[in-house]
């Protein structure tokens, strides 16, 4: 008998009413936003982000570059592992997906804290904190879906052994 893919029997559910399609759109938006924040911070002179990088020197530049790398990895993982056919896989990206999203969340949160510390605008800091919380939620929901799939696979394997 041919083995049926687990997603054909039970599509992964992240939360009631939330499916992986929502998660992919969320990841694409947040990854593109993180890349845009990085580009603005390094290139646009009349922005708060660039002011932060200029006033804090090399550590801030390294932080923005790390955000850029993490965002590129997150986008690559999302496009290759979630949107392309199953024969295309970025195994390392899939394995470290939650850590990458938590890294992006930390980068957004630190950006927000520096904005508040320097008194550059509470509204902008709030926007970055909301993005940080959303990135952490993406990581948590993905981890939840992964463990739910593992539990479902274990249950189907255990019941299959009893039927034999």
N, C-alpha and C. Protein backbone atom coordinates (compact mmCIF):
# COMPACT_ATOMS: atom_id res chain seq x y z
N UNK A 1 0.84 -1.17 0.00
CA UNK A 1 0.00 0.00 0.00
C UNK A 1 0.89 1.24 0.00
N UNK A 2 0.52 2.19 -0.79
CA UNK A 2 1.27 3.42 -0.92
C UNK A 2 1.07 4.31 0.30
N UNK A 3 2.17 4.87 0.79
CA UNK A 3 2.07 5.71 1.98
C UNK A 3 1.54 7.09 1.58
N UNK A 4 0.55 7.56 2.31
CA UNK A 4 -0.07 8.86 2.06
C UNK A 4 0.66 9.91 2.90
N UNK A 5 0.93 11.03 2.29
CA UNK A 5 1.61 12.11 3.02
C UNK A 5 0.72 12.58 4.17
N UNK A 6 1.37 12.91 5.29
CA UNK A 6 0.61 13.29 6.47
C UNK A 6 -0.22 14.56 6.25
N UNK A 7 0.25 15.45 5.36
CA UNK A 7 -0.49 16.69 5.14
C UNK A 7 -1.74 16.46 4.29
N UNK A 8 -1.79 15.33 3.57
CA UNK A 8 -2.99 15.04 2.79
C UNK A 8 -4.13 14.59 3.70
N UNK A 9 -3.80 13.82 4.75
CA UNK A 9 -4.83 13.36 5.67
C UNK A 9 -5.26 14.45 6.64
N UNK A 10 -4.27 15.12 7.22
CA UNK A 10 -4.54 16.16 8.22
C UNK A 10 -3.69 17.38 7.88
N UNK A 11 -4.27 18.39 7.25
CA UNK A 11 -3.46 19.58 6.99
C UNK A 11 -3.01 20.18 8.32
N UNK A 12 -1.77 20.68 8.39
CA UNK A 12 -1.29 21.21 9.67
C UNK A 12 -2.10 22.40 10.13
N UNK A 13 -2.54 22.35 11.36
CA UNK A 13 -3.30 23.45 11.96
C UNK A 13 -2.40 24.13 12.98
N UNK A 14 -2.27 25.42 12.88
CA UNK A 14 -1.45 26.18 13.83
C UNK A 14 -2.27 26.59 15.03
N UNK A 15 -3.44 27.04 14.79
CA UNK A 15 -4.39 27.44 15.82
C UNK A 15 -5.76 27.35 15.15
N UNK A 16 -6.84 27.39 15.92
CA UNK A 16 -8.16 27.30 15.27
C UNK A 16 -8.33 28.37 14.20
N UNK A 17 -8.56 27.94 12.97
CA UNK A 17 -8.78 28.87 11.87
C UNK A 17 -7.51 29.38 11.21
N UNK A 18 -6.34 29.04 11.73
CA UNK A 18 -5.08 29.53 11.18
C UNK A 18 -4.34 28.36 10.53
N UNK A 19 -4.05 28.47 9.25
CA UNK A 19 -3.39 27.39 8.54
C UNK A 19 -1.99 27.82 8.11
N UNK A 20 -1.25 26.90 7.51
CA UNK A 20 0.11 27.19 7.07
C UNK A 20 0.13 28.27 6.00
N UNK A 21 -0.95 28.42 5.21
CA UNK A 21 -0.98 29.48 4.20
C UNK A 21 -0.90 30.85 4.85
N UNK A 22 -1.59 31.01 5.98
CA UNK A 22 -1.49 32.27 6.71
C UNK A 22 -0.06 32.49 7.21
N UNK A 23 0.54 31.42 7.67
CA UNK A 23 1.89 31.49 8.21
C UNK A 23 2.89 31.89 7.13
N UNK A 24 2.74 31.38 5.92
CA UNK A 24 3.65 31.73 4.83
C UNK A 24 3.52 33.20 4.49
N UNK A 25 2.31 33.70 4.42
CA UNK A 25 2.11 35.12 4.12
C UNK A 25 2.73 35.99 5.22
N UNK A 26 2.56 35.58 6.46
CA UNK A 26 3.14 36.30 7.59
C UNK A 26 4.67 36.32 7.50
N UNK A 27 5.25 35.17 7.21
CA UNK A 27 6.71 35.08 7.10
C UNK A 27 7.23 35.95 5.96
N UNK A 28 6.54 35.91 4.82
CA UNK A 28 6.99 36.72 3.69
C UNK A 28 6.94 38.21 4.02
N UNK A 29 5.84 38.64 4.65
CA UNK A 29 5.72 40.05 5.02
C UNK A 29 6.81 40.46 6.01
N UNK A 30 6.96 39.68 7.09
CA UNK A 30 7.94 40.04 8.12
C UNK A 30 9.37 39.98 7.60
N UNK A 31 9.67 39.00 6.75
CA UNK A 31 11.01 38.92 6.18
C UNK A 31 11.31 40.10 5.27
N UNK A 32 10.35 40.47 4.43
CA UNK A 32 10.54 41.64 3.57
C UNK A 32 10.64 42.92 4.38
N UNK A 33 9.85 43.02 5.44
CA UNK A 33 9.91 44.20 6.30
C UNK A 33 11.27 44.30 6.98
N UNK A 34 11.81 43.17 7.45
CA UNK A 34 13.12 43.18 8.10
C UNK A 34 14.21 43.58 7.10
N UNK A 35 14.11 43.10 5.86
CA UNK A 35 15.08 43.52 4.83
C UNK A 35 14.94 45.02 4.54
N UNK A 36 13.71 45.50 4.50
CA UNK A 36 13.50 46.93 4.24
C UNK A 36 14.05 47.78 5.39
N UNK A 37 13.86 47.34 6.63
CA UNK A 37 14.40 48.07 7.78
C UNK A 37 15.92 48.12 7.69
N UNK A 38 16.52 47.00 7.31
CA UNK A 38 17.99 46.95 7.18
C UNK A 38 18.46 47.90 6.09
N UNK A 39 17.80 47.87 4.95
CA UNK A 39 18.20 48.74 3.84
C UNK A 39 18.04 50.21 4.21
N UNK A 40 16.95 50.55 4.87
CA UNK A 40 16.72 51.94 5.28
C UNK A 40 17.77 52.37 6.31
N UNK A 41 18.06 51.49 7.26
CA UNK A 41 19.02 51.84 8.31
C UNK A 41 20.42 52.08 7.75
N UNK A 42 20.77 51.34 6.73
CA UNK A 42 22.11 51.49 6.16
C UNK A 42 22.19 52.54 5.06
N UNK A 43 21.07 52.86 4.41
CA UNK A 43 21.16 53.71 3.23
C UNK A 43 20.45 55.05 3.26
N UNK A 44 19.36 55.16 3.97
CA UNK A 44 18.58 56.39 3.96
C UNK A 44 19.01 57.31 5.10
N UNK A 45 19.55 58.44 4.78
CA UNK A 45 20.14 59.33 5.80
C UNK A 45 19.12 60.02 6.70
N UNK A 46 17.94 60.30 6.23
CA UNK A 46 16.96 61.09 6.99
C UNK A 46 15.96 60.23 7.75
N UNK A 47 16.38 59.09 8.27
CA UNK A 47 15.45 58.22 8.98
C UNK A 47 15.95 57.97 10.40
N UNK A 48 15.03 57.56 11.24
CA UNK A 48 15.38 57.23 12.63
C UNK A 48 16.36 56.06 12.65
N UNK A 49 16.12 55.07 11.82
CA UNK A 49 16.98 53.88 11.80
C UNK A 49 18.42 54.25 11.45
N UNK A 50 18.59 55.10 10.47
CA UNK A 50 19.94 55.50 10.09
C UNK A 50 20.59 56.34 11.20
N UNK A 51 19.81 57.17 11.86
CA UNK A 51 20.32 57.96 12.99
C UNK A 51 20.82 57.04 14.09
N UNK A 52 20.09 55.96 14.35
CA UNK A 52 20.52 54.99 15.36
C UNK A 52 21.85 54.34 14.98
N UNK A 53 21.97 53.97 13.72
CA UNK A 53 23.21 53.33 13.26
C UNK A 53 24.37 54.30 13.34
N UNK A 54 24.16 55.53 12.91
CA UNK A 54 25.24 56.52 12.95
C UNK A 54 25.67 56.85 14.38
N UNK A 55 24.71 56.98 15.28
CA UNK A 55 25.05 57.40 16.64
C UNK A 55 25.66 56.27 17.48
N UNK A 56 25.41 55.02 17.13
CA UNK A 56 25.91 53.90 17.92
C UNK A 56 27.10 53.18 17.28
N UNK A 57 27.49 53.56 16.09
CA UNK A 57 28.72 53.06 15.48
C UNK A 57 28.68 51.62 15.01
N UNK A 58 29.83 50.98 15.11
CA UNK A 58 30.03 49.64 14.54
C UNK A 58 29.11 48.59 15.15
N UNK A 59 28.87 48.56 16.47
CA UNK A 59 27.94 47.54 16.98
C UNK A 59 26.54 47.64 16.35
N UNK A 60 26.07 48.85 16.13
CA UNK A 60 24.76 49.02 15.50
C UNK A 60 24.79 48.56 14.05
N UNK A 61 25.87 48.86 13.35
CA UNK A 61 25.99 48.40 11.96
C UNK A 61 26.01 46.88 11.89
N UNK A 62 26.74 46.25 12.80
CA UNK A 62 26.77 44.78 12.83
C UNK A 62 25.38 44.21 13.15
N UNK A 63 24.65 44.85 14.05
CA UNK A 63 23.30 44.40 14.37
C UNK A 63 22.36 44.49 13.19
N UNK A 64 22.47 45.58 12.44
CA UNK A 64 21.62 45.75 11.25
C UNK A 64 22.01 44.74 10.17
N UNK A 65 23.30 44.49 10.03
CA UNK A 65 23.74 43.49 9.05
C UNK A 65 23.28 42.09 9.46
N UNK A 66 23.31 41.80 10.77
CA UNK A 66 22.81 40.51 11.24
C UNK A 66 21.31 40.39 10.96
N UNK A 67 20.56 41.47 11.16
CA UNK A 67 19.13 41.46 10.83
C UNK A 67 18.93 41.19 9.35
N UNK A 68 19.75 41.78 8.52
CA UNK A 68 19.65 41.57 7.07
C UNK A 68 19.91 40.11 6.71
N UNK A 69 20.94 39.52 7.30
CA UNK A 69 21.27 38.11 7.02
C UNK A 69 20.15 37.19 7.52
N UNK A 70 19.67 37.44 8.74
CA UNK A 70 18.58 36.62 9.27
C UNK A 70 17.32 36.73 8.42
N UNK A 71 17.01 37.93 7.97
CA UNK A 71 15.82 38.12 7.13
C UNK A 71 15.99 37.40 5.80
N UNK A 72 17.18 37.45 5.22
CA UNK A 72 17.43 36.74 3.95
C UNK A 72 17.29 35.24 4.15
N UNK A 73 17.83 34.72 5.26
CA UNK A 73 17.68 33.28 5.56
C UNK A 73 16.22 32.90 5.75
N UNK A 74 15.47 33.74 6.46
CA UNK A 74 14.05 33.46 6.70
C UNK A 74 13.27 33.46 5.39
N UNK A 75 13.55 34.41 4.52
CA UNK A 75 12.86 34.45 3.23
C UNK A 75 13.23 33.26 2.35
N UNK A 76 14.52 32.92 2.35
CA UNK A 76 14.97 31.76 1.57
C UNK A 76 14.30 30.49 2.07
N UNK A 77 14.25 30.32 3.38
CA UNK A 77 13.60 29.15 3.98
C UNK A 77 12.12 29.11 3.61
N UNK A 78 11.45 30.24 3.71
CA UNK A 78 10.01 30.29 3.41
C UNK A 78 9.74 29.97 1.95
N UNK A 79 10.50 30.57 1.06
CA UNK A 79 10.25 30.35 -0.37
C UNK A 79 10.59 28.90 -0.75
N UNK A 80 11.75 28.42 -0.34
CA UNK A 80 12.19 27.08 -0.77
C UNK A 80 11.38 25.99 -0.09
N UNK A 81 11.22 26.06 1.23
CA UNK A 81 10.60 24.95 1.95
C UNK A 81 9.07 24.99 1.97
N UNK A 82 8.47 26.16 1.80
CA UNK A 82 7.02 26.24 1.92
C UNK A 82 6.30 26.52 0.61
N UNK A 83 7.01 27.07 -0.37
CA UNK A 83 6.33 27.46 -1.60
C UNK A 83 6.74 26.63 -2.82
N UNK A 84 7.95 26.13 -2.83
CA UNK A 84 8.42 25.32 -3.96
C UNK A 84 8.01 23.87 -3.77
N UNK A 85 8.09 23.06 -4.83
CA UNK A 85 7.73 21.63 -4.70
C UNK A 85 8.61 20.92 -3.67
N UNK A 86 8.15 19.77 -3.22
CA UNK A 86 8.83 19.03 -2.15
C UNK A 86 10.24 18.57 -2.53
N UNK A 87 10.53 18.45 -3.80
CA UNK A 87 11.88 18.01 -4.19
C UNK A 87 12.93 19.09 -3.91
N UNK A 88 12.50 20.33 -3.75
CA UNK A 88 13.41 21.44 -3.40
C UNK A 88 13.35 21.62 -1.89
N UNK A 89 14.46 21.43 -1.23
CA UNK A 89 14.48 21.58 0.23
C UNK A 89 15.73 22.33 0.66
N UNK A 90 15.56 23.16 1.65
CA UNK A 90 16.65 23.87 2.33
C UNK A 90 16.61 23.35 3.77
N UNK A 91 17.23 22.17 3.97
CA UNK A 91 17.09 21.45 5.23
C UNK A 91 17.62 22.24 6.42
N UNK A 92 18.73 22.93 6.25
CA UNK A 92 19.29 23.71 7.35
C UNK A 92 18.34 24.84 7.74
N UNK A 93 17.74 25.48 6.76
CA UNK A 93 16.80 26.55 7.04
C UNK A 93 15.58 26.04 7.79
N UNK A 94 15.11 24.86 7.39
CA UNK A 94 13.95 24.28 8.06
C UNK A 94 14.28 23.87 9.49
N UNK A 95 15.48 23.35 9.69
CA UNK A 95 15.89 22.90 11.02
C UNK A 95 16.04 24.07 12.00
N UNK A 96 16.57 25.20 11.51
CA UNK A 96 16.82 26.34 12.39
C UNK A 96 15.81 27.47 12.22
N UNK A 97 14.66 27.15 11.65
CA UNK A 97 13.64 28.16 11.36
C UNK A 97 13.22 28.94 12.61
N UNK A 98 12.95 28.24 13.69
CA UNK A 98 12.49 28.93 14.90
C UNK A 98 13.57 29.86 15.46
N UNK A 99 14.83 29.43 15.42
CA UNK A 99 15.91 30.28 15.92
C UNK A 99 16.10 31.53 15.07
N UNK A 100 15.95 31.38 13.76
CA UNK A 100 16.07 32.54 12.87
C UNK A 100 14.99 33.56 13.19
N UNK A 101 13.75 33.09 13.37
CA UNK A 101 12.66 34.02 13.67
C UNK A 101 12.82 34.65 15.04
N UNK A 102 13.33 33.89 16.00
CA UNK A 102 13.58 34.49 17.31
C UNK A 102 14.72 35.51 17.23
N UNK A 103 15.72 35.25 16.39
CA UNK A 103 16.79 36.23 16.18
C UNK A 103 16.27 37.52 15.58
N UNK A 104 15.36 37.40 14.63
CA UNK A 104 14.75 38.60 14.04
C UNK A 104 13.93 39.34 15.09
N UNK A 105 13.23 38.59 15.95
CA UNK A 105 12.45 39.22 17.02
C UNK A 105 13.36 39.99 17.97
N UNK A 106 14.49 39.39 18.33
CA UNK A 106 15.44 40.06 19.22
C UNK A 106 15.99 41.32 18.55
N UNK A 107 16.28 41.25 17.26
CA UNK A 107 16.80 42.42 16.54
C UNK A 107 15.77 43.55 16.53
N UNK A 108 14.50 43.22 16.27
CA UNK A 108 13.46 44.25 16.30
C UNK A 108 13.29 44.83 17.70
N UNK A 109 13.31 43.97 18.71
CA UNK A 109 13.15 44.44 20.09
C UNK A 109 14.32 45.34 20.49
N UNK A 110 15.53 44.98 20.13
CA UNK A 110 16.68 45.82 20.49
C UNK A 110 16.62 47.15 19.76
N UNK A 111 16.16 47.11 18.51
CA UNK A 111 15.97 48.35 17.75
C UNK A 111 14.99 49.27 18.49
N UNK A 112 13.92 48.67 18.97
CA UNK A 112 12.90 49.42 19.70
C UNK A 112 13.46 50.01 21.00
N UNK A 113 14.23 49.21 21.74
CA UNK A 113 14.78 49.69 23.00
C UNK A 113 15.75 50.85 22.80
N UNK A 114 16.55 50.79 21.75
CA UNK A 114 17.48 51.87 21.47
C UNK A 114 16.74 53.14 21.08
N UNK A 115 15.67 53.00 20.33
CA UNK A 115 14.85 54.17 19.96
C UNK A 115 14.29 54.83 21.20
N UNK A 116 13.77 54.05 22.14
CA UNK A 116 13.21 54.61 23.37
C UNK A 116 14.31 55.24 24.21
N UNK A 117 15.45 54.56 24.31
CA UNK A 117 16.57 55.06 25.11
C UNK A 117 17.04 56.43 24.61
N UNK A 118 17.07 56.60 23.30
CA UNK A 118 17.55 57.86 22.74
C UNK A 118 16.43 58.88 22.56
N UNK A 119 15.21 58.52 22.92
CA UNK A 119 14.09 59.45 22.89
C UNK A 119 13.70 59.88 21.48
N UNK A 120 13.73 58.95 20.53
CA UNK A 120 13.47 59.29 19.14
C UNK A 120 12.03 59.07 18.71
N UNK A 121 11.21 58.48 19.52
CA UNK A 121 9.82 58.32 19.13
C UNK A 121 9.21 57.04 19.65
N UNK A 122 8.21 57.19 20.49
CA UNK A 122 7.54 56.03 21.09
C UNK A 122 6.74 55.26 20.05
N UNK A 123 6.12 55.94 19.12
CA UNK A 123 5.29 55.26 18.12
C UNK A 123 6.13 54.34 17.24
N UNK A 124 7.31 54.80 16.85
CA UNK A 124 8.19 53.96 16.04
C UNK A 124 8.69 52.77 16.84
N UNK A 125 9.01 53.02 18.11
CA UNK A 125 9.45 51.92 18.98
C UNK A 125 8.34 50.89 19.15
N UNK A 126 7.10 51.35 19.27
CA UNK A 126 5.96 50.44 19.40
C UNK A 126 5.80 49.59 18.15
N UNK A 127 5.99 50.20 16.98
CA UNK A 127 5.89 49.44 15.73
C UNK A 127 6.92 48.31 15.70
N UNK A 128 8.16 48.61 16.10
CA UNK A 128 9.19 47.57 16.10
C UNK A 128 8.91 46.50 17.16
N UNK A 129 8.35 46.88 18.29
CA UNK A 129 8.01 45.88 19.31
C UNK A 129 6.88 44.97 18.84
N UNK A 130 5.91 45.53 18.15
CA UNK A 130 4.84 44.69 17.60
C UNK A 130 5.39 43.70 16.58
N UNK A 131 6.33 44.15 15.77
CA UNK A 131 6.98 43.23 14.81
C UNK A 131 7.77 42.16 15.56
N UNK A 132 8.42 42.54 16.65
CA UNK A 132 9.18 41.57 17.45
C UNK A 132 8.24 40.51 18.03
N UNK A 133 7.10 40.95 18.57
CA UNK A 133 6.14 40.00 19.12
C UNK A 133 5.59 39.09 18.02
N UNK A 134 5.34 39.64 16.85
CA UNK A 134 4.81 38.82 15.75
C UNK A 134 5.84 37.80 15.29
N UNK A 135 7.12 38.18 15.23
CA UNK A 135 8.17 37.22 14.85
C UNK A 135 8.28 36.10 15.88
N UNK A 136 8.18 36.45 17.16
CA UNK A 136 8.20 35.42 18.20
C UNK A 136 6.98 34.52 18.08
N UNK A 137 5.83 35.09 17.73
CA UNK A 137 4.62 34.28 17.54
C UNK A 137 4.76 33.35 16.35
N UNK A 138 5.38 33.82 15.28
CA UNK A 138 5.62 32.97 14.10
C UNK A 138 6.48 31.78 14.51
N UNK A 139 7.51 32.03 15.30
CA UNK A 139 8.38 30.95 15.76
C UNK A 139 7.62 29.97 16.64
N UNK A 140 6.84 30.48 17.58
CA UNK A 140 6.07 29.62 18.47
C UNK A 140 5.04 28.80 17.71
N UNK A 141 4.30 29.43 16.81
CA UNK A 141 3.26 28.70 16.06
C UNK A 141 3.87 27.63 15.16
N UNK A 142 5.03 27.91 14.60
CA UNK A 142 5.69 26.91 13.77
C UNK A 142 6.15 25.73 14.63
N UNK A 143 6.69 26.01 15.79
CA UNK A 143 7.11 24.95 16.70
C UNK A 143 5.91 24.12 17.15
N UNK A 144 4.81 24.80 17.44
CA UNK A 144 3.58 24.12 17.84
C UNK A 144 3.09 23.19 16.73
N UNK A 145 3.09 23.68 15.49
CA UNK A 145 2.63 22.85 14.36
C UNK A 145 3.57 21.66 14.15
N UNK A 146 4.86 21.88 14.32
CA UNK A 146 5.82 20.79 14.14
C UNK A 146 5.59 19.68 15.16
N UNK A 147 5.40 20.05 16.43
CA UNK A 147 5.17 19.04 17.45
C UNK A 147 3.80 18.39 17.30
N UNK A 148 2.81 19.12 16.83
CA UNK A 148 1.50 18.52 16.58
C UNK A 148 1.59 17.48 15.47
N UNK A 149 2.38 17.78 14.43
CA UNK A 149 2.59 16.80 13.35
C UNK A 149 3.31 15.57 13.88
N UNK A 150 4.29 15.75 14.73
CA UNK A 150 5.02 14.61 15.29
C UNK A 150 4.11 13.75 16.16
N UNK A 151 3.27 14.39 16.97
CA UNK A 151 2.32 13.64 17.80
C UNK A 151 1.35 12.86 16.93
N UNK A 152 0.85 13.50 15.88
CA UNK A 152 -0.10 12.85 14.98
C UNK A 152 0.56 11.65 14.29
N UNK A 153 1.83 11.81 13.87
CA UNK A 153 2.54 10.71 13.24
C UNK A 153 2.76 9.56 14.22
N UNK A 154 3.10 9.89 15.47
CA UNK A 154 3.31 8.85 16.47
C UNK A 154 2.02 8.09 16.74
N UNK A 155 0.91 8.81 16.84
CA UNK A 155 -0.37 8.16 17.09
C UNK A 155 -0.76 7.24 15.93
N UNK A 156 -0.57 7.72 14.70
CA UNK A 156 -0.94 6.89 13.56
C UNK A 156 -0.03 5.67 13.47
N UNK A 157 1.24 5.80 13.84
CA UNK A 157 2.16 4.67 13.83
C UNK A 157 1.80 3.68 14.92
N UNK A 158 1.46 4.18 16.12
CA UNK A 158 1.10 3.30 17.23
C UNK A 158 -0.17 2.52 16.92
N UNK A 159 -1.18 3.18 16.37
CA UNK A 159 -2.42 2.49 16.04
C UNK A 159 -2.22 1.52 14.88
N UNK A 160 -1.34 1.86 13.96
CA UNK A 160 -1.05 0.96 12.85
C UNK A 160 -0.40 -0.32 13.33
N UNK A 161 0.44 -0.22 14.36
CA UNK A 161 1.10 -1.40 14.91
C UNK A 161 0.09 -2.31 15.61
N UNK A 162 -0.95 -1.72 16.20
CA UNK A 162 -1.96 -2.52 16.88
C UNK A 162 -2.85 -3.27 15.88
N UNK A 163 -3.06 -2.66 14.69
CA UNK A 163 -3.91 -3.31 13.69
C UNK A 163 -3.23 -4.49 13.04
N UNK A 164 -1.91 -4.50 13.01
CA UNK A 164 -1.18 -5.56 12.28
C UNK A 164 -1.18 -6.87 12.98
